[in-house]
Amino acid sequence: MPNNQPLIPYPPQAITTKDILYLKDAMSWELLAFKKFHFMAQQVQNPQFKEALDKAGKMHQNHFQRILTHLQVDNNAALASLPNTQSQQSQQQSN
């Protein structure tokens, strides 16, 4: 099934509620993966396994931080700066 949707060249200025919920879920998954790899790295004796587990844990920690940056936006200000198409449409319909 081909995807006929155009690519978005840049991220939207505001984040929808659905996007925020997905990002929070993704952060939970990354945090859990980081904790598990950290725990496993503390349990193993083999230095090569320990290094590989630490590396995987740091990757998930980095992913967590990158997702967090997407949530550190003043979403209310971003929404206020967007044109209010719903208000404009309702005003046009009432006239």
PDB file of N, CA and C in Angstrom:
ATOM      1  N   MET A   1       0.837  -1.173   0.000  1.00  0.00           N
ATOM      2  CA  MET A   1       0.000   0.000   0.000  1.00  0.00           C
ATOM      3  C   MET A   1       0.885   1.241   0.000  1.00  0.00           C
ATOM      4  N   PRO A   2       0.898   2.001  -1.074  1.00  0.00           N
ATOM      5  CA  PRO A   2       1.785   3.158  -1.157  1.00  0.00           C
ATOM      6  C   PRO A   2       1.319   4.291  -0.244  1.00  0.00           C
ATOM      7  N   ASN A   3       2.279   5.045   0.242  1.00  0.00           N
ATOM      8  CA  ASN A   3       1.996   6.189   1.094  1.00  0.00           C
ATOM      9  C   ASN A   3       1.914   7.418   0.202  1.00  0.00           C
ATOM     10  N   ASN A   4       0.715   7.970   0.040  1.00  0.00           N
ATOM     11  CA  ASN A   4       0.506   9.113  -0.842  1.00  0.00           C
ATOM     12  C   ASN A   4       0.603  10.449  -0.125  1.00  0.00           C
ATOM     13  N   GLN A   5       0.926  10.437   1.155  1.00  0.00           N
ATOM     14  CA  GLN A   5       1.037  11.680   1.902  1.00  0.00           C
ATOM     15  C   GLN A   5       2.354  12.361   1.578  1.00  0.00           C
ATOM     16  N   PRO A   6       2.334  13.686   1.416  1.00  0.00           N
ATOM     17  CA  PRO A   6       3.587  14.395   1.147  1.00  0.00           C
ATOM     18  C   PRO A   6       4.467  14.416   2.392  1.00  0.00           C
ATOM     19  N   LEU A   7       5.765  14.487   2.197  1.00  0.00           N
ATOM     20  CA  LEU A   7       6.697  14.575   3.315  1.00  0.00           C
ATOM     21  C   LEU A   7       6.605  15.958   3.940  1.00  0.00           C
ATOM     22  N   ILE A   8       6.762  16.018   5.237  1.00  0.00           N
ATOM     23  CA  ILE A   8       6.758  17.300   5.943  1.00  0.00           C
ATOM     24  C   ILE A   8       8.205  17.790   5.982  1.00  0.00           C
ATOM     25  N   PRO A   9       8.503  18.926   5.348  1.00  0.00           N
ATOM     26  CA  PRO A   9       9.900  19.385   5.269  1.00  0.00           C
ATOM     27  C   PRO A   9      10.468  19.872   6.593  1.00  0.00           C
ATOM     28  N   TYR A  10       9.606  20.281   7.536  1.00  0.00           N
ATOM     29  CA  TYR A  10      10.062  20.753   8.833  1.00  0.00           C
ATOM     30  C   TYR A  10       8.998  20.417   9.873  1.00  0.00           C
ATOM     31  N   PRO A  11       9.380  20.290  11.135  1.00  0.00           N
ATOM     32  CA  PRO A  11       8.388  19.925  12.149  1.00  0.00           C
ATOM     33  C   PRO A  11       7.386  21.057  12.361  1.00  0.00           C
ATOM     34  N   PRO A  12       6.191  20.720  12.793  1.00  0.00           N
ATOM     35  CA  PRO A  12       5.187  21.764  13.046  1.00  0.00           C
ATOM     36  C   PRO A  12       5.615  22.664  14.204  1.00  0.00           C
ATOM     37  N   GLN A  13       5.066  23.865  14.223  1.00  0.00           N
ATOM     38  CA  GLN A  13       5.423  24.819  15.280  1.00  0.00           C
ATOM     39  C   GLN A  13       4.829  24.421  16.625  1.00  0.00           C
ATOM     40  N   ALA A  14       3.700  23.768  16.612  1.00  0.00           N
ATOM     41  CA  ALA A  14       3.029  23.351  17.847  1.00  0.00           C
ATOM     42  C   ALA A  14       2.889  21.837  17.849  1.00  0.00           C
ATOM     43  N   ILE A  15       2.842  21.275  19.042  1.00  0.00           N
ATOM     44  CA  ILE A  15       2.712  19.832  19.189  1.00  0.00           C
ATOM     45  C   ILE A  15       1.280  19.510  19.596  1.00  0.00           C
ATOM     46  N   THR A  16       0.664  18.572  18.906  1.00  0.00           N
ATOM     47  CA  THR A  16      -0.709  18.193  19.252  1.00  0.00           C
ATOM     48  C   THR A  16      -0.702  17.331  20.509  1.00  0.00           C
ATOM     49  N   THR A  17      -1.871  17.187  21.104  1.00  0.00           N
ATOM     50  CA  THR A  17      -2.007  16.341  22.290  1.00  0.00           C
ATOM     51  C   THR A  17      -1.602  14.906  21.966  1.00  0.00           C
ATOM     52  N   LYS A  18      -2.004  14.436  20.802  1.00  0.00           N
ATOM     53  CA  LYS A  18      -1.646  13.070  20.401  1.00  0.00           C
ATOM     54  C   LYS A  18      -0.126  12.927  20.283  1.00  0.00           C
ATOM     55  N   ASP A  19       0.527  13.939  19.706  1.00  0.00           N
ATOM     56  CA  ASP A  19       1.991  13.914  19.588  1.00  0.00           C
ATOM     57  C   ASP A  19       2.655  13.892  20.961  1.00  0.00           C
ATOM     58  N   ILE A  20       2.145  14.701  21.875  1.00  0.00           N
ATOM     59  CA  ILE A  20       2.714  14.755  23.226  1.00  0.00           C
ATOM     60  C   ILE A  20       2.577  13.401  23.919  1.00  0.00           C
ATOM     61  N   LEU A  21       1.418  12.775  23.781  1.00  0.00           N
ATOM     62  CA  LEU A  21       1.216  11.467  24.400  1.00  0.00           C
ATOM     63  C   LEU A  21       2.160  10.426  23.811  1.00  0.00           C
ATOM     64  N   TYR A  22       2.358  10.475  22.490  1.00  0.00           N
ATOM     65  CA  TYR A  22       3.289   9.540  21.871  1.00  0.00           C
ATOM     66  C   TYR A  22       4.714   9.804  22.346  1.00  0.00           C
ATOM     67  N   LEU A  23       5.120  11.060  22.420  1.00  0.00           N
ATOM     68  CA  LEU A  23       6.469  11.384  22.877  1.00  0.00           C
ATOM     69  C   LEU A  23       6.680  10.945  24.324  1.00  0.00           C
ATOM     70  N   LYS A  24       5.666  11.103  25.158  1.00  0.00           N
ATOM     71  CA  LYS A  24       5.773  10.645  26.552  1.00  0.00           C
ATOM     72  C   LYS A  24       5.925   9.127  26.613  1.00  0.00           C
ATOM     73  N   ASP A  25       5.164   8.414  25.789  1.00  0.00           N
ATOM     74  CA  ASP A  25       5.307   6.957  25.726  1.00  0.00           C
ATOM     75  C   ASP A  25       6.714   6.584  25.284  1.00  0.00           C
ATOM     76  N   ALA A  26       7.203   7.253  24.248  1.00  0.00           N
ATOM     77  CA  ALA A  26       8.546   6.963  23.736  1.00  0.00           C
ATOM     78  C   ALA A  26       9.595   7.235  24.813  1.00  0.00           C
ATOM     79  N   MET A  27       9.408   8.298  25.577  1.00  0.00           N
ATOM     80  CA  MET A  27      10.351   8.591  26.660  1.00  0.00           C
ATOM     81  C   MET A  27      10.322   7.487  27.720  1.00  0.00           C
ATOM     82  N   SER A  28       9.134   6.999  28.023  1.00  0.00           N
ATOM     83  CA  SER A  28       9.023   5.910  29.002  1.00  0.00           C
ATOM     84  C   SER A  28       9.748   4.669  28.513  1.00  0.00           C
ATOM     85  N   TRP A  29       9.586   4.356  27.222  1.00  0.00           N
ATOM     86  CA  TRP A  29      10.257   3.179  26.649  1.00  0.00           C
ATOM     87  C   TRP A  29      11.772   3.349  26.698  1.00  0.00           C
ATOM     88  N   GLU A  30      12.248   4.539  26.350  1.00  0.00           N
ATOM     89  CA  GLU A  30      13.694   4.780  26.353  1.00  0.00           C
ATOM     90  C   GLU A  30      14.257   4.728  27.767  1.00  0.00           C
ATOM     91  N   LEU A  31      13.538   5.313  28.716  1.00  0.00           N
ATOM     92  CA  LEU A  31      13.999   5.297  30.102  1.00  0.00           C
ATOM     93  C   LEU A  31      14.049   3.878  30.642  1.00  0.00           C
ATOM     94  N   LEU A  32      13.021   3.091  30.343  1.00  0.00           N
ATOM     95  CA  LEU A  32      13.001   1.700  30.788  1.00  0.00           C
ATOM     96  C   LEU A  32      14.160   0.913  30.178  1.00  0.00           C
ATOM     97  N   ALA A  33      14.395   1.107  28.885  1.00  0.00           N
ATOM     98  CA  ALA A  33      15.506   0.402  28.227  1.00  0.00           C
ATOM     99  C   ALA A  33      16.833   0.815  28.855  1.00  0.00           C
ATOM    100  N   PHE A  34      17.011   2.107  29.115  1.00  0.00           N
ATOM    101  CA  PHE A  34      18.248   2.584  29.748  1.00  0.00           C
ATOM    102  C   PHE A  34      18.436   1.929  31.114  1.00  0.00           C
ATOM    103  N   LYS A  35      17.382   1.898  31.922  1.00  0.00           N
ATOM    104  CA  LYS A  35      17.479   1.307  33.263  1.00  0.00           C
ATOM    105  C   LYS A  35      17.826  -0.180  33.189  1.00  0.00           C
ATOM    106  N   LYS A  36      17.200  -0.891  32.253  1.00  0.00           N
ATOM    107  CA  LYS A  36      17.476  -2.323  32.126  1.00  0.00           C
ATOM    108  C   LYS A  36      18.916  -2.576  31.708  1.00  0.00           C
ATOM    109  N   PHE A  37      19.409  -1.821  30.723  1.00  0.00           N
ATOM    110  CA  PHE A  37      20.795  -2.012  30.294  1.00  0.00           C
ATOM    111  C   PHE A  37      21.773  -1.641  31.408  1.00  0.00           C
ATOM    112  N   HIS A  38      21.467  -0.586  32.143  1.00  0.00           N
ATOM    113  CA  HIS A  38      22.334  -0.188  33.255  1.00  0.00           C
ATOM    114  C   HIS A  38      22.371  -1.285  34.315  1.00  0.00           C
ATOM    115  N   PHE A  39      21.199  -1.826  34.648  1.00  0.00           N
ATOM    116  CA  PHE A  39      21.132  -2.905  35.634  1.00  0.00           C
ATOM    117  C   PHE A  39      21.929  -4.121  35.160  1.00  0.00           C
ATOM    118  N   MET A  40      21.721  -4.516  33.903  1.00  0.00           N
ATOM    119  CA  MET A  40      22.428  -5.691  33.382  1.00  0.00           C
ATOM    120  C   MET A  40      23.940  -5.466  33.362  1.00  0.00           C
ATOM    121  N   ALA A  41      24.358  -4.246  33.013  1.00  0.00           N
ATOM    122  CA  ALA A  41      25.794  -3.945  32.973  1.00  0.00           C
ATOM    123  C   ALA A  41      26.415  -4.085  34.359  1.00  0.00           C
ATOM    124  N   GLN A  42      25.638  -3.794  35.403  1.00  0.00           N
ATOM    125  CA  GLN A  42      26.143  -3.927  36.772  1.00  0.00           C
ATOM    126  C   GLN A  42      26.256  -5.384  37.207  1.00  0.00           C
ATOM    127  N   GLN A  43      25.514  -6.275  36.539  1.00  0.00           N
ATOM    128  CA  GLN A  43      25.454  -7.679  36.946  1.00  0.00           C
ATOM    129  C   GLN A  43      26.511  -8.561  36.279  1.00  0.00           C
ATOM    130  N   VAL A  44      26.957  -8.189  35.093  1.00  0.00           N
ATOM    131  CA  VAL A  44      27.862  -9.065  34.341  1.00  0.00           C
ATOM    132  C   VAL A  44      29.309  -8.889  34.805  1.00  0.00           C
ATOM    133  N   GLN A  45      30.092  -9.945  34.619  1.00  0.00           N
ATOM    134  CA  GLN A  45      31.501  -9.926  34.987  1.00  0.00           C
ATOM    135  C   GLN A  45      32.400  -9.686  33.774  1.00  0.00           C
ATOM    136  N   ASN A  46      31.954 -10.113  32.609  1.00  0.00           N
ATOM    137  CA  ASN A  46      32.743  -9.995  31.392  1.00  0.00           C
ATOM    138  C   ASN A  46      32.837  -8.522  30.972  1.00  0.00           C
ATOM    139  N   PRO A  47      34.058  -7.979  30.875  1.00  0.00           N
ATOM    140  CA  PRO A  47      34.206  -6.555  30.536  1.00  0.00           C
ATOM    141  C   PRO A  47      33.668  -6.203  29.146  1.00  0.00           C
ATOM    142  N   GLN A  48      33.743  -7.139  28.203  1.00  0.00           N
ATOM    143  CA  GLN A  48      33.214  -6.855  26.862  1.00  0.00           C
ATOM    144  C   GLN A  48      31.693  -6.744  26.890  1.00  0.00           C
ATOM    145  N   PHE A  49      31.042  -7.634  27.635  1.00  0.00           N
ATOM    146  CA  PHE A  49      29.583  -7.554  27.769  1.00  0.00           C
ATOM    147  C   PHE A  49      29.190  -6.271  28.498  1.00  0.00           C
ATOM    148  N   LYS A  50      29.947  -5.969  29.563  1.00  0.00           N
ATOM    149  CA  LYS A  50      29.665  -4.759  30.339  1.00  0.00           C
ATOM    150  C   LYS A  50      29.761  -3.525  29.450  1.00  0.00           C
ATOM    151  N   GLU A  51      30.793  -3.456  28.633  1.00  0.00           N
ATOM    152  CA  GLU A  51      30.973  -2.315  27.732  1.00  0.00           C
ATOM    153  C   GLU A  51      29.839  -2.228  26.711  1.00  0.00           C
ATOM    154  N   ALA A  52      29.446  -3.370  26.144  1.00  0.00           N
ATOM    155  CA  ALA A  52      28.368  -3.382  25.148  1.00  0.00           C
ATOM    156  C   ALA A  52      27.044  -2.954  25.787  1.00  0.00           C
ATOM    157  N   LEU A  53      26.774  -3.432  27.000  1.00  0.00           N
ATOM    158  CA  LEU A  53      25.541  -3.056  27.686  1.00  0.00           C
ATOM    159  C   LEU A  53      25.541  -1.577  28.063  1.00  0.00           C
ATOM    160  N   ASP A  54      26.684  -1.077  28.519  1.00  0.00           N
ATOM    161  CA  ASP A  54      26.799   0.351  28.834  1.00  0.00           C
ATOM    162  C   ASP A  54      26.577   1.204  27.580  1.00  0.00           C
ATOM    163  N   LYS A  55      27.143   0.757  26.476  1.00  0.00           N
ATOM    164  CA  LYS A  55      26.995   1.496  25.218  1.00  0.00           C
ATOM    165  C   LYS A  55      25.524   1.533  24.783  1.00  0.00           C
ATOM    166  N   ALA A  56      24.833   0.407  24.891  1.00  0.00           N
ATOM    167  CA  ALA A  56      23.413   0.354  24.530  1.00  0.00           C
ATOM    168  C   ALA A  56      22.595   1.237  25.476  1.00  0.00           C
ATOM    169  N   GLY A  57      22.924   1.214  26.748  1.00  0.00           N
ATOM    170  CA  GLY A  57      22.227   2.056  27.719  1.00  0.00           C
ATOM    171  C   GLY A  57      22.417   3.529  27.431  1.00  0.00           C
ATOM    172  N   LYS A  58      23.632   3.922  27.078  1.00  0.00           N
ATOM    173  CA  LYS A  58      23.907   5.324  26.755  1.00  0.00           C
ATOM    174  C   LYS A  58      23.162   5.752  25.490  1.00  0.00           C
ATOM    175  N   MET A  59      23.008   4.834  24.545  1.00  0.00           N
ATOM    176  CA  MET A  59      22.252   5.139  23.334  1.00  0.00           C
ATOM    177  C   MET A  59      20.804   5.466  23.710  1.00  0.00           C
ATOM    178  N   HIS A  60      20.204   4.662  24.590  1.00  0.00           N
ATOM    179  CA  HIS A  60      18.825   4.914  25.003  1.00  0.00           C
ATOM    180  C   HIS A  60      18.715   6.185  25.846  1.00  0.00           C
ATOM    181  N   GLN A  61      19.722   6.456  26.631  1.00  0.00           N
ATOM    182  CA  GLN A  61      19.735   7.697  27.408  1.00  0.00           C
ATOM    183  C   GLN A  61      19.791   8.901  26.460  1.00  0.00           C
ATOM    184  N   ASN A  62      20.588   8.808  25.415  1.00  0.00           N
ATOM    185  CA  ASN A  62      20.685   9.867  24.416  1.00  0.00           C
ATOM    186  C   ASN A  62      19.346  10.059  23.708  1.00  0.00           C
ATOM    187  N   HIS A  63      18.688   8.952  23.355  1.00  0.00           N
ATOM    188  CA  HIS A  63      17.368   9.048  22.718  1.00  0.00           C
ATOM    189  C   HIS A  63      16.385   9.759  23.640  1.00  0.00           C
ATOM    190  N   PHE A  64      16.421   9.423  24.932  1.00  0.00           N
ATOM    191  CA  PHE A  64      15.546  10.066  25.915  1.00  0.00           C
ATOM    192  C   PHE A  64      15.773  11.575  25.914  1.00  0.00           C
ATOM    193  N   GLN A  65      17.033  11.990  25.948  1.00  0.00           N
ATOM    194  CA  GLN A  65      17.366  13.418  25.967  1.00  0.00           C
ATOM    195  C   GLN A  65      16.904  14.122  24.691  1.00  0.00           C
ATOM    196  N   ARG A  66      17.055  13.447  23.562  1.00  0.00           N
ATOM    197  CA  ARG A  66      16.640  14.046  22.289  1.00  0.00           C
ATOM    198  C   ARG A  66      15.126  14.226  22.233  1.00  0.00           C
ATOM    199  N   ILE A  67      14.388  13.250  22.738  1.00  0.00           N
ATOM    200  CA  ILE A  67      12.928  13.375  22.775  1.00  0.00           C
ATOM    201  C   ILE A  67      12.530  14.501  23.722  1.00  0.00           C
ATOM    202  N   LEU A  68      13.222  14.596  24.843  1.00  0.00           N
ATOM    203  CA  LEU A  68      12.923  15.636  25.825  1.00  0.00           C
ATOM    204  C   LEU A  68      13.036  17.028  25.217  1.00  0.00           C
ATOM    205  N   THR A  69      13.986  17.234  24.335  1.00  0.00           N
ATOM    206  CA  THR A  69      14.138  18.551  23.710  1.00  0.00           C
ATOM    207  C   THR A  69      12.902  18.928  22.900  1.00  0.00           C
ATOM    208  N   HIS A  70      12.203  17.938  22.348  1.00  0.00           N
ATOM    209  CA  HIS A  70      10.991  18.232  21.587  1.00  0.00           C
ATOM    210  C   HIS A  70       9.840  18.655  22.497  1.00  0.00           C
ATOM    211  N   LEU A  71       9.917  18.288  23.753  1.00  0.00           N
ATOM    212  CA  LEU A  71       8.859  18.657  24.697  1.00  0.00           C
ATOM    213  C   LEU A  71       9.160  19.963  25.416  1.00  0.00           C
ATOM    214  N   GLN A  72      10.366  20.470  25.266  1.00  0.00           N
ATOM    215  CA  GLN A  72      10.735  21.713  25.933  1.00  0.00           C
ATOM    216  C   GLN A  72      10.423  22.903  25.026  1.00  0.00           C
ATOM    217  N   VAL A  73       9.165  22.992  24.667  1.00  0.00           N
ATOM    218  CA  VAL A  73       8.668  24.051  23.801  1.00  0.00           C
ATOM    219  C   VAL A  73       7.500  24.700  24.516  1.00  0.00           C
ATOM    220  N   ASP A  74       7.395  26.008  24.415  1.00  0.00           N
ATOM    221  CA  ASP A  74       6.231  26.684  24.966  1.00  0.00           C
ATOM    222  C   ASP A  74       5.094  26.494  23.971  1.00  0.00           C
ATOM    223  N   ASN A  75       4.377  25.387  24.137  1.00  0.00           N
ATOM    224  CA  ASN A  75       3.347  24.999  23.175  1.00  0.00           C
ATOM    225  C   ASN A  75       2.232  26.040  23.104  1.00  0.00           C
ATOM    226  N   ASN A  76       1.882  26.659  24.224  1.00  0.00           N
ATOM    227  CA  ASN A  76       0.822  27.675  24.210  1.00  0.00           C
ATOM    228  C   ASN A  76       1.231  28.869  23.359  1.00  0.00           C
ATOM    229  N   ALA A  77       2.477  29.294  23.479  1.00  0.00           N
ATOM    230  CA  ALA A  77       2.951  30.417  22.665  1.00  0.00           C
ATOM    231  C   ALA A  77       2.994  30.028  21.187  1.00  0.00           C
ATOM    232  N   ALA A  78       3.405  28.790  20.913  1.00  0.00           N
ATOM    233  CA  ALA A  78       3.450  28.332  19.523  1.00  0.00           C
ATOM    234  C   ALA A  78       2.049  28.282  18.930  1.00  0.00           C
ATOM    235  N   LEU A  79       1.086  27.808  19.698  1.00  0.00           N
ATOM    236  CA  LEU A  79      -0.298  27.759  19.215  1.00  0.00           C
ATOM    237  C   LEU A  79      -0.856  29.164  19.008  1.00  0.00           C
ATOM    238  N   ALA A  80      -0.506  30.081  19.897  1.00  0.00           N
ATOM    239  CA  ALA A  80      -1.000  31.456  19.782  1.00  0.00           C
ATOM    240  C   ALA A  80      -0.442  32.151  18.543  1.00  0.00           C
ATOM    241  N   SER A  81       0.745  31.751  18.119  1.00  0.00           N
ATOM    242  CA  SER A  81       1.355  32.397  16.954  1.00  0.00           C
ATOM    243  C   SER A  81       0.815  31.862  15.630  1.00  0.00           C
ATOM    244  N   LEU A  82       0.101  30.747  15.682  1.00  0.00           N
ATOM    245  CA  LEU A  82      -0.458  30.180  14.456  1.00  0.00           C
ATOM    246  C   LEU A  82      -1.742  30.908  14.079  1.00  0.00           C
ATOM    247  N   PRO A  83      -2.016  30.981  12.787  1.00  0.00           N
ATOM    248  CA  PRO A  83      -3.298  31.593  12.396  1.00  0.00           C
ATOM    249  C   PRO A  83      -4.454  30.753  12.921  1.00  0.00           C
ATOM    250  N   ASN A  84      -5.441  31.400  13.444  1.00  0.00           N
ATOM    251  CA  ASN A  84      -6.578  30.713  14.036  1.00  0.00           C
ATOM    252  C   ASN A  84      -7.627  30.475  12.966  1.00  0.00           C
ATOM    253  N   THR A  85      -7.488  29.393  12.246  1.00  0.00           N
ATOM    254  CA  THR A  85      -8.370  29.120  11.119  1.00  0.00           C
ATOM    255  C   THR A  85      -9.773  28.757  11.567  1.00  0.00           C
ATOM    256  N   GLN A  86      -9.945  28.120  12.703  1.00  0.00           N
ATOM    257  CA  GLN A  86     -11.285  27.760  13.170  1.00  0.00           C
ATOM    258  C   GLN A  86     -12.091  29.010  13.511  1.00  0.00           C
ATOM    259  N   SER A  87     -11.485  29.977  14.197  1.00  0.00           N
ATOM    260  CA  SER A  87     -12.190  31.209  14.536  1.00  0.00           C
ATOM    261  C   SER A  87     -12.539  31.986  13.279  1.00  0.00           C
ATOM    262  N   GLN A  88     -11.616  32.019  12.340  1.00  0.00           N
ATOM    263  CA  GLN A  88     -11.863  32.738  11.101  1.00  0.00           C
ATOM    264  C   GLN A  88     -12.993  32.077  10.317  1.00  0.00           C
ATOM    265  N   GLN A  89     -13.010  30.752  10.283  1.00  0.00           N
ATOM    266  CA  GLN A  89     -14.050  30.039   9.563  1.00  0.00           C
ATOM    267  C   GLN A  89     -15.411  30.248  10.211  1.00  0.00           C
ATOM    268  N   SER A  90     -15.483  30.212  11.535  1.00  0.00           N
ATOM    269  CA  SER A  90     -16.773  30.403  12.210  1.00  0.00           C
ATOM    270  C   SER A  90     -17.257  31.828  12.045  1.00  0.00           C
ATOM    271  N   GLN A  91     -16.336  32.809  12.006  1.00  0.00           N
ATOM    272  CA  GLN A  91     -16.732  34.196  11.786  1.00  0.00           C
ATOM    273  C   GLN A  91     -17.279  34.371  10.374  1.00  0.00           C
ATOM    274  N   GLN A  92     -16.644  33.712   9.399  1.00  0.00           N
ATOM    275  CA  GLN A  92     -17.098  33.820   8.024  1.00  0.00           C
ATOM    276  C   GLN A  92     -18.471  33.179   7.856  1.00  0.00           C
ATOM    277  N   GLN A  93     -18.718  32.084   8.547  1.00  0.00           N
ATOM    278  CA  GLN A  93     -19.996  31.400   8.437  1.00  0.00           C
ATOM    279  C   GLN A  93     -21.126  32.200   9.083  1.00  0.00           C
ATOM    280  N   SER A  94     -20.823  32.913  10.156  1.00  0.00           N
ATOM    281  CA  SER A  94     -21.851  33.673  10.844  1.00  0.00           C
ATOM    282  C   SER A  94     -22.194  34.954  10.095  1.00  0.00           C
ATOM    283  N   ASN A  95     -21.324  35.453   9.236  1.00  0.00           N
ATOM    284  CA  ASN A  95     -21.580  36.689   8.459  1.00  0.00           C
ATOM    285  C   ASN A  95     -22.420  36.431   7.274  1.00  0.00           C
TER     286      ASN A  95
END
